[in-house]
Protein backbone atom coordinates (compact mmCIF):
# COMPACT_ATOMS: atom_id res chain seq x y z
CA UNK A 1 0.00 0.00 0.00
CA UNK A 2 1.30 3.45 -0.81
CA UNK A 3 2.63 5.07 2.32
CA UNK A 4 3.82 8.52 3.28
CA UNK A 5 4.22 7.84 7.00
CA UNK A 6 7.97 7.18 6.87
CA UNK A 7 10.09 9.33 9.16
CA UNK A 8 10.70 12.91 8.07
CA UNK A 9 14.01 14.68 8.51
CA UNK A 10 12.46 17.99 9.47
CA UNK A 11 9.46 19.30 11.35
CA UNK A 12 6.03 18.51 9.98
CA UNK A 13 3.26 20.78 8.88
CA UNK A 14 1.87 22.28 5.69
CA UNK A 15 4.06 25.00 4.26
CA UNK A 16 7.25 23.78 6.00
CA UNK A 17 9.92 24.37 3.33
CA UNK A 18 12.43 22.12 5.14
CA UNK A 19 10.32 18.98 5.19
CA UNK A 20 11.55 15.87 3.38
CA UNK A 21 8.73 13.82 1.94
CA UNK A 22 8.79 10.04 1.58
CA UNK A 23 6.32 7.50 0.25
CA UNK A 24 6.30 3.98 -1.13
CA UNK A 25 4.24 1.85 -3.47
CA UNK A 26 4.67 -1.60 -5.00
CA UNK A 27 4.28 -3.60 -8.19
CA UNK A 28 1.19 -5.39 -9.42
CA UNK A 29 0.40 -8.21 -11.77
CA UNK A 30 -2.65 -9.84 -13.34
CA UNK A 31 -3.92 -12.91 -11.50
CA UNK A 32 -6.55 -13.85 -14.10
CA UNK A 33 -8.01 -11.95 -17.05
CA UNK A 34 -5.23 -10.51 -19.23
CA UNK A 35 -6.21 -9.89 -22.87
CA UNK A 36 -9.82 -10.90 -22.21
CA UNK A 37 -10.27 -7.68 -20.21
CA UNK A 38 -9.70 -5.73 -23.44
CA UNK A 39 -12.97 -7.23 -24.73
CA UNK A 40 -15.03 -6.54 -21.62
CA UNK A 41 -14.27 -9.62 -19.54
CA UNK A 42 -13.46 -9.15 -15.84
CA UNK A 43 -9.95 -9.34 -14.41
CA UNK A 44 -8.25 -9.83 -11.05
CA UNK A 45 -5.24 -7.64 -10.24
CA UNK A 46 -2.74 -8.88 -7.66
CA UNK A 47 -0.47 -6.54 -5.65
CA UNK A 48 3.20 -7.59 -5.58
CA UNK A 49 4.01 -6.19 -2.16
CA UNK A 50 7.67 -7.25 -2.10
CA UNK A 51 8.59 -5.32 -5.28
CA UNK A 52 8.73 -1.81 -3.83
CA UNK A 53 9.20 1.71 -5.08
CA UNK A 54 10.39 4.32 -2.58
CA UNK A 55 10.38 8.03 -3.42
CA UNK A 56 12.25 10.63 -1.35
CA UNK A 57 11.59 14.31 -2.00
CA UNK A 58 14.01 16.86 -0.54
CA UNK A 59 13.41 20.63 -0.80
CA UNK A 60 15.78 22.77 -2.83
CA UNK A 61 15.98 26.24 -1.33
CA UNK A 62 15.87 29.38 -3.51
CA UNK A 63 19.67 29.62 -3.53
CA UNK A 64 19.80 26.18 -5.11
CA UNK A 65 21.46 24.27 -2.29
CA UNK A 66 20.42 20.84 -1.14
CA UNK A 67 22.13 17.50 -0.85
CA UNK A 68 22.80 16.02 -4.28
CA UNK A 69 21.44 18.96 -6.28
CA UNK A 70 22.87 22.10 -7.80
CA UNK A 71 21.10 25.07 -9.27
CA UNK A 72 17.42 25.87 -9.25
CA UNK A 73 14.54 23.80 -10.61
CA UNK A 74 13.69 20.20 -9.87
CA UNK A 75 16.35 17.50 -9.87
CA UNK A 76 15.76 13.79 -10.40
CA UNK A 77 17.90 10.92 -9.16
CA UNK A 78 16.90 7.53 -10.58
CA UNK A 79 18.23 4.55 -12.49
CA UNK A 80 16.82 6.01 -15.73
CA UNK A 81 17.90 9.64 -15.39
CA UNK A 82 19.89 11.70 -12.92
CA UNK A 83 19.93 15.43 -13.52
CA UNK A 84 17.63 18.42 -13.92
CA UNK A 85 14.02 17.44 -14.42
CA UNK A 86 13.66 19.84 -17.36
CA UNK A 87 16.37 17.87 -19.20
CA UNK A 88 14.81 14.48 -18.50
CA UNK A 89 14.33 12.08 -21.45
CA UNK A 90 10.91 10.96 -22.65
CA UNK A 91 11.20 7.73 -20.64
CA UNK A 92 10.77 9.62 -17.37
CA UNK A 93 8.12 12.12 -18.46
CA UNK A 94 5.52 10.32 -16.31
CA UNK A 95 7.78 10.99 -13.30
CA UNK A 96 8.11 14.64 -14.30
CA UNK A 97 4.32 14.78 -14.51
CA UNK A 98 4.04 13.23 -11.03
CA UNK A 99 6.04 16.14 -9.59
CA UNK A 100 4.47 18.98 -11.55
CA UNK A 101 0.87 17.75 -11.35
CA UNK A 102 1.03 17.31 -7.57
CA UNK A 103 2.53 20.76 -7.07
CA UNK A 104 -0.12 22.25 -9.34
CA UNK A 105 -2.89 20.49 -7.40
CA UNK A 106 -1.70 22.04 -4.13
CA UNK A 107 -0.94 25.44 -5.69
CA UNK A 108 2.77 25.16 -4.86
CA UNK A 109 4.39 25.47 -8.28
CA UNK A 110 6.99 27.84 -6.85
CA UNK A 111 8.55 25.02 -4.79
CA UNK A 112 11.49 22.98 -6.09
CA UNK A 113 12.64 19.52 -5.06
CA UNK A 114 15.32 16.90 -5.40
CA UNK A 115 13.38 13.71 -6.19
CA UNK A 116 15.02 10.35 -5.64
CA UNK A 117 13.34 7.17 -6.90
CA UNK A 118 14.49 3.71 -5.78
CA UNK A 119 12.52 1.08 -7.66
CA UNK A 120 12.55 -2.71 -7.51
CA UNK A 121 9.79 -2.93 -10.14
CA UNK A 122 11.26 -3.72 -13.57
CA UNK A 123 10.01 -1.89 -16.61
CA UNK A 124 8.19 -3.56 -19.52
CA UNK A 125 7.31 -6.65 -17.46
CA UNK A 126 3.61 -6.08 -16.82
CA UNK A 127 4.24 -5.14 -13.17
CA UNK A 128 3.00 -1.57 -13.33
CA UNK A 129 6.36 0.16 -13.12
CA UNK A 130 5.21 3.58 -14.35
CA UNK A 131 2.12 3.58 -12.13
CA UNK A 132 4.13 2.46 -9.08
CA UNK A 133 6.65 5.27 -9.58
CA UNK A 134 3.84 7.77 -10.08
CA UNK A 135 2.08 6.57 -6.93
CA UNK A 136 5.20 6.93 -4.78
CA UNK A 137 6.35 10.26 -6.23
CA UNK A 138 2.95 12.00 -6.05
CA UNK A 139 2.49 10.91 -2.43
CA UNK A 140 6.07 11.90 -1.53
CA UNK A 141 5.68 15.36 -3.06
CA UNK A 142 2.44 15.83 -1.12
CA UNK A 143 4.23 14.68 2.03
CA UNK A 144 7.03 17.19 1.44
CA UNK A 145 4.34 19.88 1.31
CA UNK A 146 2.87 18.62 4.59
CA UNK A 147 -0.22 17.35 2.77
CA UNK A 148 -1.94 13.98 2.42
CA UNK A 149 -3.67 12.78 -0.74
CA UNK A 150 -7.10 11.19 -0.36
CA UNK A 151 -7.62 7.96 -2.29
CA UNK A 152 -9.46 9.39 -5.29
CA UNK A 153 -7.22 12.44 -5.66
CA UNK A 154 -4.19 10.18 -5.51
CA UNK A 155 -5.73 7.90 -8.14
CA UNK A 156 -6.46 10.88 -10.39
CA UNK A 157 -2.86 12.09 -10.21
CA UNK A 158 -1.50 8.61 -10.95
CA UNK A 159 -3.84 8.37 -13.92
CA UNK A 160 -2.60 11.72 -15.22
CA UNK A 161 0.92 10.28 -15.20
CA UNK A 162 -0.29 7.04 -16.78
CA UNK A 163 -1.88 8.96 -19.66
CA UNK A 164 1.57 10.37 -20.41
CA UNK A 165 3.02 6.84 -20.27
CA UNK A 166 0.29 4.85 -22.03
CA UNK A 167 -2.27 7.14 -23.64
CA UNK A 168 -5.56 5.63 -22.41
CA UNK A 169 -4.90 3.63 -19.23
CA UNK A 170 -7.68 1.45 -17.85
CA UNK A 171 -6.92 2.31 -14.24
CA UNK A 172 -5.96 -1.27 -13.35
CA UNK A 173 -2.32 -0.40 -12.73
CA UNK A 174 -3.15 2.76 -10.79
CA UNK A 175 -5.37 0.79 -8.41
CA UNK A 176 -3.15 -2.26 -8.15
CA UNK A 177 0.04 -0.48 -7.12
CA UNK A 178 -1.60 1.04 -4.03
CA UNK A 179 -3.75 -1.95 -3.00
CA UNK A 180 -2.85 -4.49 -0.33
CA UNK A 181 -5.36 -7.09 -1.58
CA UNK A 182 -6.50 -8.27 -5.02
CA UNK A 183 -8.63 -5.84 -7.00
CA UNK A 184 -11.62 -6.90 -9.10
CA UNK A 185 -12.10 -5.01 -12.37
CA UNK A 186 -15.32 -5.50 -14.32
CA UNK A 187 -16.78 -3.10 -16.86
CA UNK A 188 -15.04 -0.12 -15.32
CA UNK A 189 -16.15 -1.07 -11.80
CA UNK A 190 -13.24 -1.62 -9.43
CA UNK A 191 -13.56 -3.14 -5.97
CA UNK A 192 -11.36 -4.96 -3.45
CA UNK A 193 -11.67 -8.71 -3.04
CA UNK A 194 -12.20 -10.31 0.35
CA UNK A 195 -9.82 -13.14 1.20
CA UNK A 196 -10.73 -16.29 3.07
CA UNK A 197 -7.14 -17.37 3.71
CA UNK A 198 -3.53 -16.41 3.25
CA UNK A 199 -2.19 -16.89 -0.28
CA UNK A 200 1.48 -16.89 -1.30
CA UNK A 201 2.56 -16.18 -4.84
CA UNK A 202 5.90 -16.12 -6.60
CA UNK A 203 6.46 -13.75 -9.52
CA UNK A 204 9.37 -14.55 -11.83
CA UNK A 205 10.85 -12.28 -14.49
CA UNK A 206 11.93 -14.02 -17.70
CA UNK A 207 14.43 -11.21 -18.25
CA UNK A 208 12.74 -10.55 -21.59
CA UNK A 209 10.64 -7.39 -21.98
CA UNK A 210 7.00 -8.12 -22.62
CA UNK A 211 5.62 -7.25 -26.05
CA UNK A 212 2.15 -6.23 -25.00
CA UNK A 213 1.22 -4.23 -28.09
CA UNK A 214 2.36 -7.06 -30.34
CA UNK A 215 0.38 -9.60 -28.31
CA UNK A 216 -2.75 -7.43 -28.22
CA UNK A 217 -2.52 -6.94 -31.98
CA UNK A 218 -2.15 -10.70 -32.49
CA UNK A 219 -5.28 -11.41 -30.45
CA UNK A 220 -7.18 -8.75 -32.37
CA UNK A 221 -6.07 -10.24 -35.70
CA UNK A 222 -7.07 -13.72 -34.51
CA UNK A 223 -10.48 -12.40 -33.48
CA UNK A 224 -10.96 -10.65 -36.83
CA UNK A 225 -10.14 -13.91 -38.62
CA UNK A 226 -12.22 -16.21 -36.40
CA UNK A 227 -14.46 -14.21 -34.07
CA UNK A 228 -16.53 -17.14 -32.80
CA UNK A 229 -13.57 -19.26 -31.67
CA UNK A 230 -11.66 -16.31 -30.22
CA UNK A 231 -14.67 -14.98 -28.34
CA UNK A 232 -15.20 -18.45 -26.88
CA UNK A 233 -11.66 -18.37 -25.45
CA UNK A 234 -12.16 -14.83 -24.14
CA UNK A 235 -15.43 -15.85 -22.48
CA UNK A 236 -13.71 -18.82 -20.83
CA UNK A 237 -10.97 -16.57 -19.45
CA UNK A 238 -13.65 -14.28 -18.04
CA UNK A 239 -15.35 -17.25 -16.42
CA UNK A 240 -12.02 -18.33 -14.90
CA UNK A 241 -11.63 -14.83 -13.44
CA UNK A 242 -15.04 -15.14 -11.77
CA UNK A 243 -14.17 -18.60 -10.51
CA UNK A 244 -10.82 -17.35 -9.18
CA UNK A 245 -12.53 -14.58 -7.25
CA UNK A 246 -14.71 -17.18 -5.58
CA UNK A 247 -11.68 -19.28 -4.63
CA UNK A 248 -10.04 -16.24 -3.02
CA UNK A 249 -13.16 -15.55 -0.97
CA UNK A 250 -13.42 -19.23 0.00
CA UNK A 251 -9.71 -19.53 0.78
CA UNK A 252 -9.36 -22.48 -1.61
CA UNK A 253 -5.74 -22.40 -2.85
CA UNK A 254 -6.02 -25.73 -4.69
CA UNK A 255 -8.95 -24.51 -6.76
CA UNK A 256 -7.22 -21.20 -7.44
CA UNK A 257 -4.16 -23.03 -8.71
CA UNK A 258 -6.32 -25.04 -11.10
CA UNK A 259 -7.83 -21.85 -12.55
CA UNK A 260 -4.32 -20.44 -13.04
CA UNK A 261 -3.24 -23.55 -14.96
CA UNK A 262 -6.36 -23.40 -17.10
CA UNK A 263 -5.83 -19.68 -17.79
CA UNK A 264 -2.29 -20.33 -19.02
CA UNK A 265 -3.63 -22.91 -21.43
CA UNK A 266 -6.16 -20.45 -22.84
CA UNK A 267 -3.57 -17.69 -23.15
CA UNK A 268 -1.31 -20.13 -24.97
CA UNK A 269 -4.20 -20.86 -27.32
CA UNK A 270 -4.38 -17.11 -28.02
CA UNK A 271 -0.66 -17.27 -28.96
CA UNK A 272 0.51 -14.76 -26.34
CA UNK A 273 2.87 -17.08 -24.48
CA UNK A 274 6.52 -17.72 -25.44
CA UNK A 275 9.22 -20.33 -24.96
CA UNK A 276 10.68 -18.32 -22.06
CA UNK A 277 7.31 -18.10 -20.31
CA UNK A 278 6.47 -21.75 -20.91
CA UNK A 279 9.86 -22.82 -19.56
CA UNK A 280 9.31 -20.96 -16.29
CA UNK A 281 5.73 -22.18 -15.99
CA UNK A 282 7.06 -25.73 -16.41
CA UNK A 283 9.75 -25.15 -13.77
CA UNK A 284 7.16 -23.87 -11.28
CA UNK A 285 4.93 -26.88 -11.86
CA UNK A 286 7.92 -29.21 -11.50
CA UNK A 287 8.46 -27.60 -8.08
CA UNK A 288 4.86 -28.58 -7.19
CA UNK A 289 3.33 -25.14 -7.57
CA UNK A 290 -0.43 -25.30 -7.06
CA UNK A 291 -0.78 -23.38 -10.32
CA UNK A 292 1.35 -21.32 -12.70
CA UNK A 293 0.67 -19.04 -15.65
CA UNK A 294 2.04 -16.16 -17.63
CA UNK A 295 0.96 -12.80 -16.27
CA UNK A 296 0.52 -9.55 -18.14
CA UNK A 297 0.68 -8.92 -21.86
CA UNK A 298 2.82 -11.95 -22.62
CA UNK A 299 5.48 -12.74 -25.25
CA UNK A 300 8.01 -12.00 -22.54
CA UNK A 301 7.58 -10.49 -19.10
CA UNK A 302 6.68 -12.54 -16.05
CA UNK A 303 5.05 -15.71 -14.77
CA UNK A 304 3.01 -16.14 -11.61
CA UNK A 305 3.04 -19.27 -9.43
CA UNK A 306 0.98 -20.19 -6.35
CA UNK A 307 2.69 -21.80 -3.34
CA UNK A 308 1.30 -23.61 -0.31
CA UNK A 309 3.43 -21.79 2.29
CA UNK A 310 6.58 -19.73 2.77
CA UNK A 311 9.01 -22.64 2.49
CA UNK A 312 7.30 -23.84 -0.66
CA UNK A 313 7.46 -20.32 -2.11
CA UNK A 314 11.21 -20.26 -1.47
CA UNK A 315 11.57 -23.62 -3.23
CA UNK A 316 9.54 -22.46 -6.22
CA UNK A 317 11.55 -19.23 -6.44
CA UNK A 318 14.82 -21.19 -6.39
CA UNK A 319 13.55 -23.51 -9.13
CA UNK A 320 12.51 -20.54 -11.26
CA UNK A 321 15.89 -18.86 -10.87
CA UNK A 322 17.51 -22.19 -11.75
CA UNK A 323 15.41 -22.26 -14.91
CA UNK A 324 16.69 -18.84 -15.95
CA UNK A 325 14.48 -16.30 -14.19
CA UNK A 326 16.26 -12.96 -13.97
CA UNK A 327 14.56 -12.12 -10.65
CA UNK A 328 11.80 -13.41 -8.39
CA UNK A 329 9.51 -11.82 -5.83
CA UNK A 330 7.26 -13.45 -3.25
CA UNK A 331 4.03 -11.71 -2.29
CA UNK A 332 1.73 -12.81 0.53
CA UNK A 333 -1.83 -11.58 0.74
CA UNK A 334 -4.45 -12.19 3.41
CA UNK A 335 -4.12 -12.17 7.20
CA UNK A 336 -5.66 -15.49 8.12
CA UNK A 337 -3.39 -18.46 8.84
């Protein structure tokens, strides 16, 4: 969940020009429903709580002096760009928007900050990297101003950044990167999902960027060529999403795993999987995962596997890394034992 309650290095209070703001967010992934959601089917979004983004916002005083910055104007420190914000490349324009839009919202465009972003969420992997950075930076800028963003205002600011990144975002990423439980998305309606048990998932990065636009175009072409067969697959994925929601509410991990396996088969039938994804899915199943599937746009990106407990999750993660995963994350949702 996005947080701006980390310790500050100066006194608190709105208008305090010495206050350092901090906030965090996390990655997200699709549990069930990718591609089908484009055609109106429901989807379940899963927060990846262990893949964190932390933003730290330090004031730059009018004389241009603050740790790590020189001169006036905003300064960004990140793995993509370090330097003045007004010289930032197109890749970080959503981050620039996160700073400027938040300052504009609070009527504080005369303030200048050094913005540091530390992200564990890889880009182009279907984990909501741009939304997670936007969520952390907008909340951190607000915190530096001594302000707190309400849920809908925060969502609106993240979406403004996402429009810069993606054009017409659905809002799935913006909700998922600040949620601490799965989010149900159906026809524009978004709501949290109750959990009947604790669920442990492992996310594994193939190391290959996802090719979402290519995959979406392939599904569209397949549907144009054979609408009846393609719509039947899409409808089945939507039904699996509904079934998966029920298994989360019931706390039935075995049944959830079965829906994940079935979803991977349907996504493979839509030709959005890849050899890299299939290899990791096979490795997770060989490690006795309850279920495993590609997650996100496909043709690269990540896989998602369901474990029985923490030790099993560690074993699955080790097997995935042994099979070539570039990185793994474990995320646990639900408070009940």
